[in-house]
Amino acid sequence: MIWDPYSSRRLSWHETPMKHLISSAFTEKILRILVIEDNASDARMLREMFAKERPGTFEMTHRTHMSEAVVHLAKGTTGQDDEVLAAEAMKEGAQDYLVKGQIENRALPRALRHAIERHRIQVETAFIANHDSVTSLPNRLLLMDRITQAIYLARRRNTGTAVMFLDLDRFKYINDSLGHAVGDQLLQSVSIRLVDCVRGSDTVSRQGGDEFVILLSEIAAPENAAKLAEKILLSLSSPHSIGGQELHIDGSIGISVGPSDGEDAETLIKNADTAMYHAKERGRNNFQFFKAEMNVKVVERQTLEASLRGALDRHEFLLHYQPKVNLFTNKITSVEALIRWQHPDRGLVPPGQFVPVAEDCGLILKIGQWAVSEACRQARAWQDEGLPQLPIAVNVSAVEFRNKDFVESIRSILSDTGWPANFLELELTESVLMDDAKFTASVLQSLKALGIHLAVDDFGTGYSSLSYLREFSIDVLKIDRSFINQITAESDDSTIVNAIITMGKSLKYLVVAEGIETEEQKAYLKAHHCEEGQGYLFSRPLPAARFADLLRTGITETLVPQHS
């Protein structure tokens, strides 16, 4: 019988290549088949299959044991024109031959075993060449061939073809924090869910890393792709049970539809990839269809990334410093270091434009380490000049926090700069903290063990859960500026701000209001017992030299205009 070497199961007629072989390679020849099968019913079923496909053009012999088959083959060989027949057989694809009268007792079984082993190796080699080693999904090579075939069929049948480019959001954090073995298991879990979402005629392919491409053949309308994208995102949102842990992963999907978005495989994949990046820019965990104008933004992003790669070596990054102020005394209590990029052509680039790009391409690790190191170095330099020793705060991205070497890198920076750990404050957003709470708690405990202070930045825009605040070793809550902008006695934002201040005080956290720009906002916060704040009312972020002057003079009510 015929067996599938990968699943160890008997294949059905339509799953085997035999149907194709009979209808093409043996169109004008008699096919002689020797079946070795101890089950007569199975042998009869195979004979009926052949008879249905090519009636009268095959001869089938059935033997129940290998020994009987060896005898049959030995009798069937001919000595007539042996070398000529052997040469013809080799041309037809035979890998070996035996000549009558020259067959030893064990020669034929050995030749059969060798032929079977060669075929097995050939099949395995072909599979490896066309499939991903981690997920066993088709790789790019096989995908390109299938897209090409799908495009051809779509033209003939007047249907559409869609390509979906899926990138797993923040998969790198899991790899860095939990290891590649866990990451591979997560990829396998994702692969199973993707295959379950699509039709049998579709193809799910892994391109490498955390990227998958899905081919939808013969779709009636783009809406079919949109529905599948929604189905995939919903499927991915359920936790994945890996090694006793529940891991959460989302995805960003870009969709291109042929022939409007491309008439060849390469173009369809490229445009789907472009649309995927726009899905990421729109907050991740969503899908976007390709639009021609997206290419302009992609080129701009690629240019920015290319410049970013050499910016650290060219010393183009710098830090600006903004004070945190006691709202009742106007005294500077601490300072926040904010990174800027002095681009040679673009000028001063704010972090909102380049940090997301640095996160996506992995450059944020080195940039983040530089920022912490430079902030500690500068704070020590101010102290050496006789200025007050103040805590210095630095923002930490999710990519940095999830890196397995993060705590050790902070320890090393403190050692190299000589800056005391209890005067360093690391600011993290709520989303960073809530992505794998168990891992987060472990890292926070390690940082607290060093003596470092920890702050929740932009509080109120994420989960805002009182329960997680109790679990984590937090020192400071920073109220997001969006709540401060419209703060009045009657506004909904004022209710939220009041609740955050009350909650923070009950947990004995220092509460800091961000984005204070008016005396009215300051007065409201003071009236509700918010202790500290920062914003343009007190000072814009300043270069190191100008901030040193501010430390010398202190804050006055008229130092910075309210609407500057």
Protein backbone atom coordinates (compact mmCIF):
# COMPACT_ATOMS: atom_id res chain seq x y z
CA MET A 1 0.00 0.00 0.00
CA ILE A 2 0.95 3.69 -0.19
CA TRP A 3 1.91 5.49 2.99
CA ASP A 4 2.44 9.14 3.98
CA PRO A 5 5.97 9.30 5.52
CA TYR A 6 5.09 12.36 7.67
CA SER A 7 1.88 11.24 9.34
CA SER A 8 2.38 7.46 9.14
CA ARG A 9 -1.12 6.98 7.76
CA ARG A 10 -2.50 5.25 4.68
CA LEU A 11 -3.27 7.83 2.01
CA SER A 12 -6.50 8.04 0.09
CA TRP A 13 -6.49 7.89 -3.71
CA HIS A 14 -6.81 11.67 -4.18
CA GLU A 15 -3.99 12.39 -1.70
CA THR A 16 -1.41 10.39 -3.63
CA PRO A 17 0.57 11.40 -6.70
CA MET A 18 -0.46 8.10 -8.37
CA LYS A 19 -3.47 9.62 -10.07
CA HIS A 20 -1.28 12.19 -11.79
CA LEU A 21 1.30 9.60 -12.76
CA ILE A 22 -1.28 7.36 -14.40
CA SER A 23 -2.90 10.21 -16.30
CA SER A 24 0.34 11.73 -17.58
CA ALA A 25 3.56 9.75 -17.34
CA PHE A 26 1.98 6.46 -18.46
CA THR A 27 -0.47 7.71 -21.02
CA GLU A 28 0.88 5.53 -23.82
CA LYS A 29 2.48 2.70 -21.81
CA ILE A 30 1.42 -0.36 -19.91
CA LEU A 31 1.92 0.22 -16.19
CA ARG A 32 3.03 -2.93 -14.37
CA ILE A 33 2.42 -2.83 -10.66
CA LEU A 34 3.50 -5.25 -7.94
CA VAL A 35 1.46 -4.86 -4.75
CA ILE A 36 2.77 -6.42 -1.54
CA GLU A 37 -0.18 -6.49 0.85
CA ASP A 38 -1.36 -9.15 3.30
CA ASN A 39 -4.90 -7.81 3.21
CA ALA A 40 -6.72 -9.04 0.11
CA SER A 41 -9.48 -6.42 0.44
CA ASP A 42 -6.98 -3.57 0.38
CA ALA A 43 -5.25 -5.03 -2.65
CA ARG A 44 -8.58 -5.41 -4.44
CA MET A 45 -9.50 -1.79 -3.62
CA LEU A 46 -6.23 -0.58 -5.11
CA ARG A 47 -6.84 -2.62 -8.27
CA GLU A 48 -10.30 -1.03 -8.62
CA MET A 49 -8.78 2.44 -8.26
CA PHE A 50 -6.33 1.78 -11.08
CA ALA A 51 -9.01 0.20 -13.22
CA LYS A 52 -11.21 3.27 -12.84
CA GLU A 53 -8.44 5.67 -13.86
CA ARG A 54 -6.81 3.74 -16.70
CA PRO A 55 -8.89 0.75 -17.74
CA GLY A 56 -6.91 -1.72 -19.79
CA THR A 57 -3.55 0.10 -19.52
CA PHE A 58 -2.06 -1.55 -16.44
CA GLU A 59 -1.14 -4.98 -15.16
CA MET A 60 -1.25 -5.58 -11.43
CA THR A 61 0.20 -8.50 -9.54
CA HIS A 62 -0.61 -9.13 -5.90
CA ARG A 63 1.66 -10.92 -3.45
CA THR A 64 1.06 -11.23 0.27
CA HIS A 65 4.68 -11.41 1.46
CA MET A 66 8.01 -9.87 0.48
CA SER A 67 9.56 -13.29 -0.12
CA GLU A 68 6.89 -14.08 -2.72
CA ALA A 69 7.48 -10.72 -4.37
CA VAL A 70 11.23 -11.38 -4.59
CA VAL A 71 10.60 -14.70 -6.34
CA HIS A 72 8.17 -13.03 -8.74
CA LEU A 73 10.60 -10.25 -9.62
CA ALA A 74 13.48 -12.70 -10.10
CA LYS A 75 11.35 -14.75 -12.52
CA GLY A 76 10.20 -11.66 -14.30
CA THR A 77 13.64 -10.32 -15.22
CA THR A 78 14.85 -11.09 -18.67
CA GLY A 79 18.27 -11.77 -20.03
CA GLN A 80 17.36 -10.53 -23.47
CA ASP A 81 19.16 -7.30 -24.35
CA ASP A 82 19.81 -6.73 -20.66
CA GLU A 83 22.09 -3.73 -21.08
CA VAL A 84 19.74 -2.06 -23.56
CA LEU A 85 16.72 -2.56 -21.30
CA ALA A 86 18.70 -1.32 -18.30
CA ALA A 87 19.69 1.86 -20.13
CA GLU A 88 16.07 2.51 -21.12
CA ALA A 89 14.92 1.89 -17.57
CA MET A 90 17.46 4.35 -16.20
CA LYS A 91 16.24 6.96 -18.69
CA GLU A 92 12.69 6.42 -17.43
CA GLY A 93 13.80 7.17 -13.89
CA ALA A 94 14.96 3.81 -12.51
CA GLN A 95 17.67 4.16 -9.87
CA ASP A 96 19.06 0.58 -10.08
CA TYR A 97 18.68 -2.64 -12.07
CA LEU A 98 19.35 -6.38 -11.71
CA VAL A 99 20.22 -8.80 -14.53
CA LYS A 100 18.81 -12.32 -14.70
CA GLY A 101 21.38 -14.92 -13.87
CA GLN A 102 23.37 -12.43 -11.82
CA ILE A 103 20.96 -12.12 -8.88
CA GLU A 104 22.28 -13.30 -5.54
CA ASN A 105 19.86 -14.52 -2.86
CA ARG A 106 19.94 -11.24 -0.94
CA ALA A 107 20.57 -8.85 -3.84
CA LEU A 108 16.97 -8.11 -4.73
CA PRO A 109 15.70 -7.39 -1.18
CA ARG A 110 18.76 -5.23 -0.60
CA ALA A 111 18.15 -3.32 -3.81
CA LEU A 112 14.52 -2.82 -2.87
CA ARG A 113 15.45 -1.55 0.58
CA HIS A 114 17.97 0.87 -0.91
CA ALA A 115 15.44 2.13 -3.44
CA ILE A 116 12.82 2.68 -0.73
CA GLU A 117 15.35 4.50 1.46
CA ARG A 118 16.46 6.69 -1.44
CA HIS A 119 12.86 7.62 -2.14
CA ARG A 120 12.22 8.40 1.53
CA ILE A 121 15.26 10.69 1.64
CA GLN A 122 14.18 12.42 -1.55
CA VAL A 123 10.69 13.05 -0.15
CA GLU A 124 12.08 14.34 3.15
CA THR A 125 14.60 16.56 1.38
CA ALA A 126 11.87 18.03 -0.81
CA PHE A 127 9.71 18.68 2.28
CA ILE A 128 12.55 20.37 4.17
CA ALA A 129 13.35 22.56 1.17
CA ASN A 130 9.76 23.80 0.96
CA HIS A 131 8.65 24.01 4.60
CA ASP A 132 9.52 25.93 7.74
CA SER A 133 11.52 23.89 10.26
CA VAL A 134 9.70 25.26 13.35
CA THR A 135 6.05 25.14 12.26
CA SER A 136 6.18 22.76 9.24
CA LEU A 137 4.20 25.38 7.31
CA PRO A 138 5.08 26.14 3.68
CA ASN A 139 8.03 28.52 3.42
CA ARG A 140 8.47 31.49 1.10
CA LEU A 141 9.67 29.34 -1.80
CA LEU A 142 6.55 27.17 -1.81
CA LEU A 143 4.30 30.15 -1.10
CA MET A 144 5.57 32.06 -4.13
CA ASP A 145 4.77 29.08 -6.34
CA ARG A 146 1.26 28.77 -4.90
CA ILE A 147 0.54 32.49 -5.28
CA THR A 148 1.64 32.30 -8.91
CA GLN A 149 -0.73 29.37 -9.47
CA ALA A 150 -3.56 31.17 -7.65
CA ILE A 151 -3.11 34.27 -9.83
CA TYR A 152 -3.29 32.09 -12.96
CA LEU A 153 -6.49 30.38 -11.77
CA ALA A 154 -8.06 33.71 -10.78
CA ARG A 155 -7.51 35.04 -14.30
CA ARG A 156 -9.08 31.96 -15.89
CA ARG A 157 -12.07 31.90 -13.55
CA ASN A 158 -12.50 35.68 -13.15
CA THR A 159 -12.10 35.61 -9.38
CA GLY A 160 -9.81 37.44 -6.95
CA THR A 161 -6.69 36.58 -4.97
CA ALA A 162 -5.77 38.07 -1.59
CA VAL A 163 -2.50 38.01 0.34
CA MET A 164 -2.45 38.73 4.07
CA PHE A 165 0.79 39.67 5.84
CA LEU A 166 0.58 38.99 9.59
CA ASP A 167 3.18 40.21 12.07
CA LEU A 168 2.86 39.16 15.72
CA ASP A 169 2.89 42.24 17.94
CA ARG A 170 5.70 42.36 20.52
CA PHE A 171 6.70 38.73 19.94
CA LYS A 172 10.33 39.75 20.50
CA TYR A 173 9.56 40.47 24.16
CA ILE A 174 8.55 36.86 24.71
CA ASN A 175 11.65 35.56 22.95
CA ASP A 176 13.92 37.85 24.95
CA SER A 177 12.30 37.28 28.33
CA LEU A 178 11.23 33.61 28.18
CA GLY A 179 13.69 32.21 25.66
CA HIS A 180 13.56 30.90 22.10
CA ALA A 181 12.20 27.48 23.11
CA VAL A 182 9.03 29.10 24.50
CA GLY A 183 8.95 31.43 21.50
CA ASP A 184 9.02 28.46 19.11
CA GLN A 185 6.18 26.76 20.97
CA LEU A 186 4.16 29.95 20.73
CA LEU A 187 4.80 30.10 16.97
CA GLN A 188 3.57 26.53 16.66
CA SER A 189 0.42 27.36 18.64
CA VAL A 190 -0.20 30.39 16.43
CA SER A 191 0.32 28.27 13.31
CA ILE A 192 -2.33 25.77 14.40
CA ARG A 193 -4.85 28.55 14.98
CA LEU A 194 -4.13 30.16 11.62
CA VAL A 195 -4.58 26.87 9.77
CA ASP A 196 -7.86 26.31 11.62
CA CYS A 197 -9.10 29.73 10.45
CA VAL A 198 -8.58 29.26 6.70
CA ARG A 199 -10.09 27.05 4.03
CA GLY A 200 -8.40 23.92 2.74
CA SER A 201 -7.67 25.70 -0.54
CA ASP A 202 -5.80 28.53 1.22
CA THR A 203 -2.15 28.53 2.27
CA VAL A 204 -0.67 29.60 5.59
CA SER A 205 3.07 30.26 5.30
CA ARG A 206 5.73 31.31 7.77
CA GLN A 207 8.22 33.78 6.35
CA GLY A 208 10.58 33.67 9.32
CA GLY A 209 10.73 35.38 12.70
CA ASP A 210 7.21 36.38 13.74
CA GLU A 211 5.86 36.92 10.23
CA PHE A 212 3.23 34.82 8.46
CA VAL A 213 1.75 35.21 4.98
CA ILE A 214 -1.68 33.80 4.15
CA LEU A 215 -2.82 33.20 0.57
CA LEU A 216 -6.56 33.33 -0.08
CA SER A 217 -7.24 31.83 -3.48
CA GLU A 218 -10.35 32.50 -5.52
CA ILE A 219 -12.14 35.04 -3.33
CA ALA A 220 -15.33 36.68 -4.55
CA ALA A 221 -14.71 40.10 -2.95
CA PRO A 222 -12.22 41.90 -0.65
CA GLU A 223 -14.81 41.61 2.13
CA ASN A 224 -13.95 37.90 2.32
CA ALA A 225 -10.40 38.82 3.32
CA ALA A 226 -11.66 41.34 5.88
CA LYS A 227 -13.87 38.73 7.54
CA LEU A 228 -10.97 36.28 7.72
CA ALA A 229 -8.69 38.96 9.21
CA GLU A 230 -11.27 39.61 11.95
CA LYS A 231 -11.52 35.87 12.57
CA ILE A 232 -7.74 35.53 12.86
CA LEU A 233 -7.35 38.46 15.27
CA LEU A 234 -10.13 37.06 17.45
CA SER A 235 -8.51 33.61 17.43
CA LEU A 236 -5.10 34.99 18.38
CA SER A 237 -6.52 37.01 21.28
CA SER A 238 -7.25 33.92 23.38
CA PRO A 239 -4.33 33.03 25.69
CA HIS A 240 -1.84 30.40 24.54
CA SER A 241 -0.95 27.78 27.15
CA ILE A 242 2.80 27.27 26.83
CA GLY A 243 4.89 25.47 29.45
CA GLY A 244 2.38 26.03 32.23
CA GLN A 245 2.04 29.74 31.39
CA GLU A 246 -0.70 31.66 29.65
CA LEU A 247 0.85 33.88 27.00
CA HIS A 248 -1.00 36.67 25.20
CA ILE A 249 -0.12 37.74 21.67
CA ASP A 250 -1.85 39.96 19.13
CA GLY A 251 -1.18 40.59 15.48
CA SER A 252 -1.16 43.32 12.87
CA ILE A 253 -2.40 42.36 9.41
CA GLY A 254 -1.90 43.97 6.01
CA ILE A 255 -4.01 42.86 3.04
CA SER A 256 -3.39 43.20 -0.68
CA VAL A 257 -5.91 42.06 -3.30
CA GLY A 258 -5.03 41.01 -6.82
CA PRO A 259 -5.03 42.08 -9.50
CA SER A 260 -5.65 45.68 -8.34
CA ASP A 261 -2.77 45.65 -5.81
CA GLY A 262 -0.40 43.54 -7.87
CA GLU A 263 -0.31 41.02 -10.69
CA ASP A 264 2.57 38.90 -9.41
CA ALA A 265 3.48 37.20 -6.14
CA GLU A 266 6.32 39.54 -5.20
CA THR A 267 4.22 42.69 -5.57
CA LEU A 268 1.25 41.28 -3.65
CA ILE A 269 3.48 40.26 -0.72
CA LYS A 270 5.31 43.61 -0.71
CA ASN A 271 2.09 45.61 -0.70
CA ALA A 272 0.54 43.45 2.03
CA ASP A 273 3.70 44.03 4.08
CA THR A 274 3.33 47.78 3.55
CA ALA A 275 -0.28 47.69 4.73
CA MET A 276 0.79 45.69 7.79
CA TYR A 277 3.10 48.51 8.91
CA HIS A 278 0.18 50.92 8.70
CA ALA A 279 -1.83 48.57 10.89
CA LYS A 280 0.95 48.80 13.47
CA GLU A 281 0.97 52.58 13.25
CA ARG A 282 -2.77 52.59 13.96
CA GLY A 283 -2.29 50.93 17.33
CA ARG A 284 -1.56 47.29 16.39
CA ASN A 285 -4.03 44.40 16.71
CA ASN A 286 -5.97 45.49 13.61
CA PHE A 287 -5.90 45.02 9.83
CA GLN A 288 -5.49 47.45 6.95
CA PHE A 289 -6.00 47.11 3.22
CA PHE A 290 -3.20 48.33 0.98
CA LYS A 291 -3.52 51.77 -0.60
CA ALA A 292 -1.14 53.18 -3.18
CA GLU A 293 -0.31 56.26 -1.08
CA MET A 294 1.04 53.99 1.65
CA ASN A 295 4.21 53.48 -0.37
CA VAL A 296 5.22 57.10 0.19
CA LYS A 297 5.07 56.65 3.97
CA VAL A 298 6.94 53.36 3.75
CA VAL A 299 9.79 54.99 1.86
CA GLU A 300 9.89 57.76 4.45
CA ARG A 301 9.96 55.23 7.28
CA GLN A 302 12.74 53.22 5.62
CA THR A 303 14.76 56.40 5.18
CA LEU A 304 14.25 57.28 8.84
CA GLU A 305 15.30 53.79 9.92
CA ALA A 306 18.43 53.91 7.75
CA SER A 307 19.45 57.22 9.35
CA LEU A 308 18.59 55.90 12.80
CA ARG A 309 20.97 52.95 12.47
CA GLY A 310 24.03 55.17 12.47
CA ALA A 311 22.75 57.94 14.75
CA LEU A 312 24.23 56.53 17.96
CA ASP A 313 27.70 56.14 16.46
CA ARG A 314 27.49 59.66 15.04
CA HIS A 315 26.55 61.03 18.51
CA GLU A 316 23.31 62.52 17.21
CA PHE A 317 21.24 61.73 20.32
CA LEU A 318 20.99 64.14 23.23
CA LEU A 319 18.97 64.53 26.39
CA HIS A 320 16.81 67.44 27.46
CA TYR A 321 15.80 67.82 31.08
CA GLN A 322 12.50 68.92 32.62
CA PRO A 323 11.98 69.57 36.35
CA LYS A 324 9.36 68.03 38.60
CA VAL A 325 8.18 70.64 41.06
CA ASN A 326 6.54 70.68 44.48
CA LEU A 327 3.23 72.46 43.76
CA PHE A 328 3.15 74.10 47.20
CA THR A 329 6.74 75.41 47.37
CA ASN A 330 7.79 75.58 43.68
CA LYS A 331 10.97 73.77 44.68
CA ILE A 332 12.52 71.39 42.11
CA THR A 333 12.26 67.90 43.59
CA SER A 334 13.58 65.76 40.72
CA VAL A 335 14.32 65.84 37.00
CA GLU A 336 13.15 63.81 33.99
CA ALA A 337 15.56 63.08 31.14
CA LEU A 338 13.89 63.17 27.70
CA ILE A 339 15.69 61.87 24.62
CA ARG A 340 15.93 63.89 21.39
CA TRP A 341 17.51 63.14 18.01
CA GLN A 342 19.52 65.93 16.37
CA HIS A 343 19.16 64.80 12.75
CA PRO A 344 21.64 66.48 10.36
CA ASP A 345 18.88 67.32 7.85
CA ARG A 346 15.58 67.13 9.75
CA GLY A 347 16.75 69.05 12.80
CA LEU A 348 15.52 68.10 16.27
CA VAL A 349 13.34 64.98 15.94
CA PRO A 350 10.96 64.32 18.88
CA PRO A 351 10.81 60.80 20.38
CA GLY A 352 7.28 60.19 19.13
CA GLN A 353 8.62 60.06 15.58
CA PHE A 354 11.66 57.83 15.99
CA VAL A 355 11.12 55.69 19.11
CA PRO A 356 8.42 53.45 17.49
CA VAL A 357 10.76 52.84 14.53
CA ALA A 358 13.64 52.07 16.91
CA GLU A 359 11.41 49.61 18.78
CA ASP A 360 10.37 47.78 15.61
CA CYS A 361 13.93 47.35 14.30
CA GLY A 362 15.52 46.55 17.68
CA LEU A 363 17.70 49.66 17.94
CA ILE A 364 15.86 50.83 21.06
CA LEU A 365 17.95 48.52 23.27
CA LYS A 366 21.20 50.35 22.58
CA ILE A 367 19.52 53.75 22.46
CA GLY A 368 17.76 53.11 25.77
CA GLN A 369 20.98 51.99 27.46
CA TRP A 370 22.70 55.13 26.21
CA ALA A 371 19.87 57.32 27.59
CA VAL A 372 20.04 55.83 31.10
CA SER A 373 23.83 55.98 31.13
CA GLU A 374 23.94 59.58 29.88
CA ALA A 375 21.29 60.70 32.38
CA CYS A 376 23.22 59.19 35.30
CA ARG A 377 26.49 60.64 34.02
CA GLN A 378 24.98 64.12 33.68
CA ALA A 379 23.35 64.00 37.11
CA ARG A 380 26.70 63.05 38.62
CA ALA A 381 28.38 65.91 36.73
CA TRP A 382 25.88 68.43 38.17
CA GLN A 383 26.58 67.11 41.64
CA ASP A 384 30.32 67.46 41.06
CA GLU A 385 29.68 71.11 40.12
CA GLY A 386 28.12 71.67 43.54
CA LEU A 387 24.50 71.62 42.38
CA PRO A 388 21.87 69.77 44.45
CA GLN A 389 21.75 65.99 44.11
CA LEU A 390 18.30 65.23 42.69
CA PRO A 391 16.63 61.97 41.61
CA ILE A 392 16.70 61.59 37.83
CA ALA A 393 13.94 59.78 35.90
CA VAL A 394 14.27 57.99 32.56
CA ASN A 395 11.55 56.44 30.40
CA VAL A 396 11.87 52.71 29.64
CA SER A 397 10.22 51.14 26.59
CA ALA A 398 8.51 47.76 26.54
CA VAL A 399 11.28 46.28 24.38
CA GLU A 400 13.94 47.29 26.91
CA PHE A 401 11.94 46.09 29.90
CA ARG A 402 11.32 42.65 28.33
CA ASN A 403 14.96 42.13 27.42
CA LYS A 404 16.49 39.37 29.56
CA ASP A 405 19.60 41.49 30.25
CA PHE A 406 17.70 44.63 31.29
CA VAL A 407 18.28 44.45 35.06
CA GLU A 408 21.94 43.59 34.62
CA SER A 409 22.45 46.47 32.19
CA ILE A 410 20.98 48.93 34.74
CA ARG A 411 23.22 47.49 37.44
CA SER A 412 26.24 47.91 35.17
CA ILE A 413 25.34 51.53 34.32
CA LEU A 414 25.02 52.46 37.98
CA SER A 415 28.39 50.88 38.69
CA ASP A 416 30.10 52.60 35.74
CA THR A 417 28.68 56.08 36.47
CA GLY A 418 28.83 55.93 40.25
CA TRP A 419 25.26 57.21 40.49
CA PRO A 420 23.34 55.90 43.53
CA ALA A 421 20.46 53.56 42.72
CA ASN A 422 18.05 55.32 45.08
CA PHE A 423 18.44 58.49 42.98
CA LEU A 424 17.43 56.73 39.74
CA GLU A 425 13.75 56.48 38.79
CA LEU A 426 12.54 54.36 35.87
CA GLU A 427 9.22 55.28 34.26
CA LEU A 428 7.06 52.57 32.67
CA THR A 429 3.62 52.78 31.08
CA GLU A 430 0.64 50.75 32.26
CA SER A 431 0.65 48.61 29.10
CA VAL A 432 4.27 47.59 29.73
CA LEU A 433 3.46 46.56 33.29
CA MET A 434 0.38 44.53 32.37
CA ASP A 435 1.98 42.54 29.54
CA ASP A 436 2.72 39.28 31.43
CA ALA A 437 2.13 40.39 35.02
CA LYS A 438 4.13 37.50 36.52
CA PHE A 439 7.27 38.40 34.58
CA THR A 440 6.73 42.10 35.30
CA ALA A 441 6.52 41.52 39.06
CA SER A 442 9.78 39.55 38.98
CA VAL A 443 11.69 42.28 37.13
CA LEU A 444 10.27 45.04 39.34
CA GLN A 445 11.35 43.16 42.44
CA SER A 446 14.88 42.83 41.05
CA LEU A 447 15.01 46.56 40.35
CA LYS A 448 13.66 47.40 43.79
CA ALA A 449 16.32 45.15 45.30
CA LEU A 450 18.91 47.45 43.73
CA GLY A 451 17.22 50.44 45.40
CA ILE A 452 15.75 51.93 42.20
CA HIS A 453 12.48 53.91 42.33
CA LEU A 454 9.69 52.97 39.91
CA ALA A 455 6.99 55.17 38.38
CA VAL A 456 3.88 54.45 36.30
CA ASP A 457 3.92 56.95 33.44
CA ASP A 458 0.78 58.26 31.66
CA PHE A 459 -1.41 56.74 34.36
CA GLY A 460 -5.12 56.57 33.55
CA THR A 461 -4.75 55.83 29.82
CA GLY A 462 -4.36 52.07 30.20
CA TYR A 463 -5.69 49.47 32.60
CA SER A 464 -5.88 51.70 35.71
CA SER A 465 -6.38 48.68 37.93
CA LEU A 466 -6.01 49.12 41.66
CA SER A 467 -5.32 45.40 42.09
CA TYR A 468 -2.21 45.39 39.90
CA LEU A 469 -0.82 48.47 41.63
CA ARG A 470 -0.90 46.56 44.89
CA GLU A 471 0.97 43.65 43.34
CA PHE A 472 3.77 45.75 41.84
CA SER A 473 6.51 47.62 43.68
CA ILE A 474 5.49 51.10 42.52
CA ASP A 475 6.62 54.41 44.09
CA VAL A 476 5.14 57.10 41.83
CA LEU A 477 1.91 57.62 39.84
CA LYS A 478 2.10 60.18 37.02
CA ILE A 479 -1.32 61.43 35.90
CA ASP A 480 -1.44 61.63 32.11
CA ARG A 481 -1.48 65.13 30.61
CA SER A 482 -4.68 64.37 28.67
CA PHE A 483 -6.63 64.55 31.96
CA ILE A 484 -4.95 67.79 33.01
CA ASN A 485 -5.65 69.66 29.74
CA GLN A 486 -9.38 70.08 30.33
CA ILE A 487 -9.44 70.02 34.09
CA THR A 488 -12.21 72.18 35.63
CA ALA A 489 -14.42 71.87 38.63
CA GLU A 490 -17.27 70.41 36.54
CA SER A 491 -15.43 68.24 33.97
CA ASP A 492 -15.32 64.45 33.80
CA ASP A 493 -11.52 64.68 33.69
CA SER A 494 -11.53 66.35 37.10
CA THR A 495 -13.44 63.39 38.54
CA ILE A 496 -10.82 60.99 37.15
CA VAL A 497 -7.96 63.13 38.46
CA ASN A 498 -9.54 63.30 41.93
CA ALA A 499 -9.95 59.51 41.96
CA ILE A 500 -6.31 58.94 40.94
CA ILE A 501 -5.02 61.33 43.61
CA THR A 502 -7.15 59.67 46.29
CA MET A 503 -6.16 56.18 45.19
CA GLY A 504 -2.47 57.07 45.03
CA LYS A 505 -2.48 58.56 48.51
CA SER A 506 -4.30 55.53 49.95
CA LEU A 507 -1.49 53.33 48.58
CA LYS A 508 1.16 55.77 49.84
CA TYR A 509 2.38 56.64 46.34
CA LEU A 510 3.74 60.00 45.28
CA VAL A 511 1.28 61.48 42.76
CA VAL A 512 2.69 63.71 39.99
CA ALA A 513 0.54 65.60 37.46
CA GLU A 514 1.98 65.89 33.93
CA GLY A 515 1.38 68.68 31.42
CA ILE A 516 0.57 71.58 33.76
CA GLU A 517 0.43 74.74 31.64
CA THR A 518 -1.76 77.20 33.55
CA GLU A 519 -2.03 78.63 37.04
CA GLU A 520 -5.66 77.48 37.08
CA GLN A 521 -4.60 73.86 36.60
CA LYS A 522 -1.96 74.20 39.29
CA ALA A 523 -4.44 75.71 41.73
CA TYR A 524 -6.97 72.94 41.13
CA LEU A 525 -4.36 70.24 41.75
CA LYS A 526 -3.17 71.93 44.93
CA ALA A 527 -6.74 72.17 46.18
CA HIS A 528 -7.08 68.42 45.74
CA HIS A 529 -3.75 67.70 47.45
CA CYS A 530 -1.66 66.63 44.46
CA GLU A 531 1.89 67.10 45.70
CA GLU A 532 3.99 67.44 42.56
CA GLY A 533 3.72 68.35 38.90
CA GLN A 534 5.64 69.12 35.75
CA GLY A 535 4.85 71.04 32.61
CA TYR A 536 5.48 74.19 30.59
CA LEU A 537 4.21 76.37 33.44
CA PHE A 538 7.45 75.63 35.26
CA SER A 539 9.86 74.88 32.41
CA ARG A 540 10.13 73.34 28.99
CA PRO A 541 12.62 70.48 28.58
CA LEU A 542 16.06 72.15 28.47
CA PRO A 543 19.57 71.19 27.32
CA ALA A 544 21.93 70.20 30.13
CA ALA A 545 23.72 73.58 30.40
CA ARG A 546 20.47 75.60 30.59
CA PHE A 547 18.98 73.17 33.07
CA ALA A 548 22.03 73.66 35.28
CA ASP A 549 21.23 77.39 35.29
CA LEU A 550 17.66 76.56 36.31
CA LEU A 551 18.97 74.48 39.20
CA ARG A 552 21.03 77.48 40.33
CA THR A 553 18.19 80.02 40.14
CA GLY A 554 15.23 77.85 41.04
CA ILE A 555 11.63 78.16 39.79
CA THR A 556 9.72 81.46 39.91
CA GLU A 557 6.10 82.04 38.94
CA THR A 558 7.18 84.25 36.03
CA LEU A 559 10.14 82.17 34.76
CA VAL A 560 8.18 80.65 31.88
CA PRO A 561 5.09 82.28 30.32
CA GLN A 562 1.95 80.21 30.81
CA HIS A 563 1.31 79.63 27.10
CA SER A 564 4.88 79.57 25.76
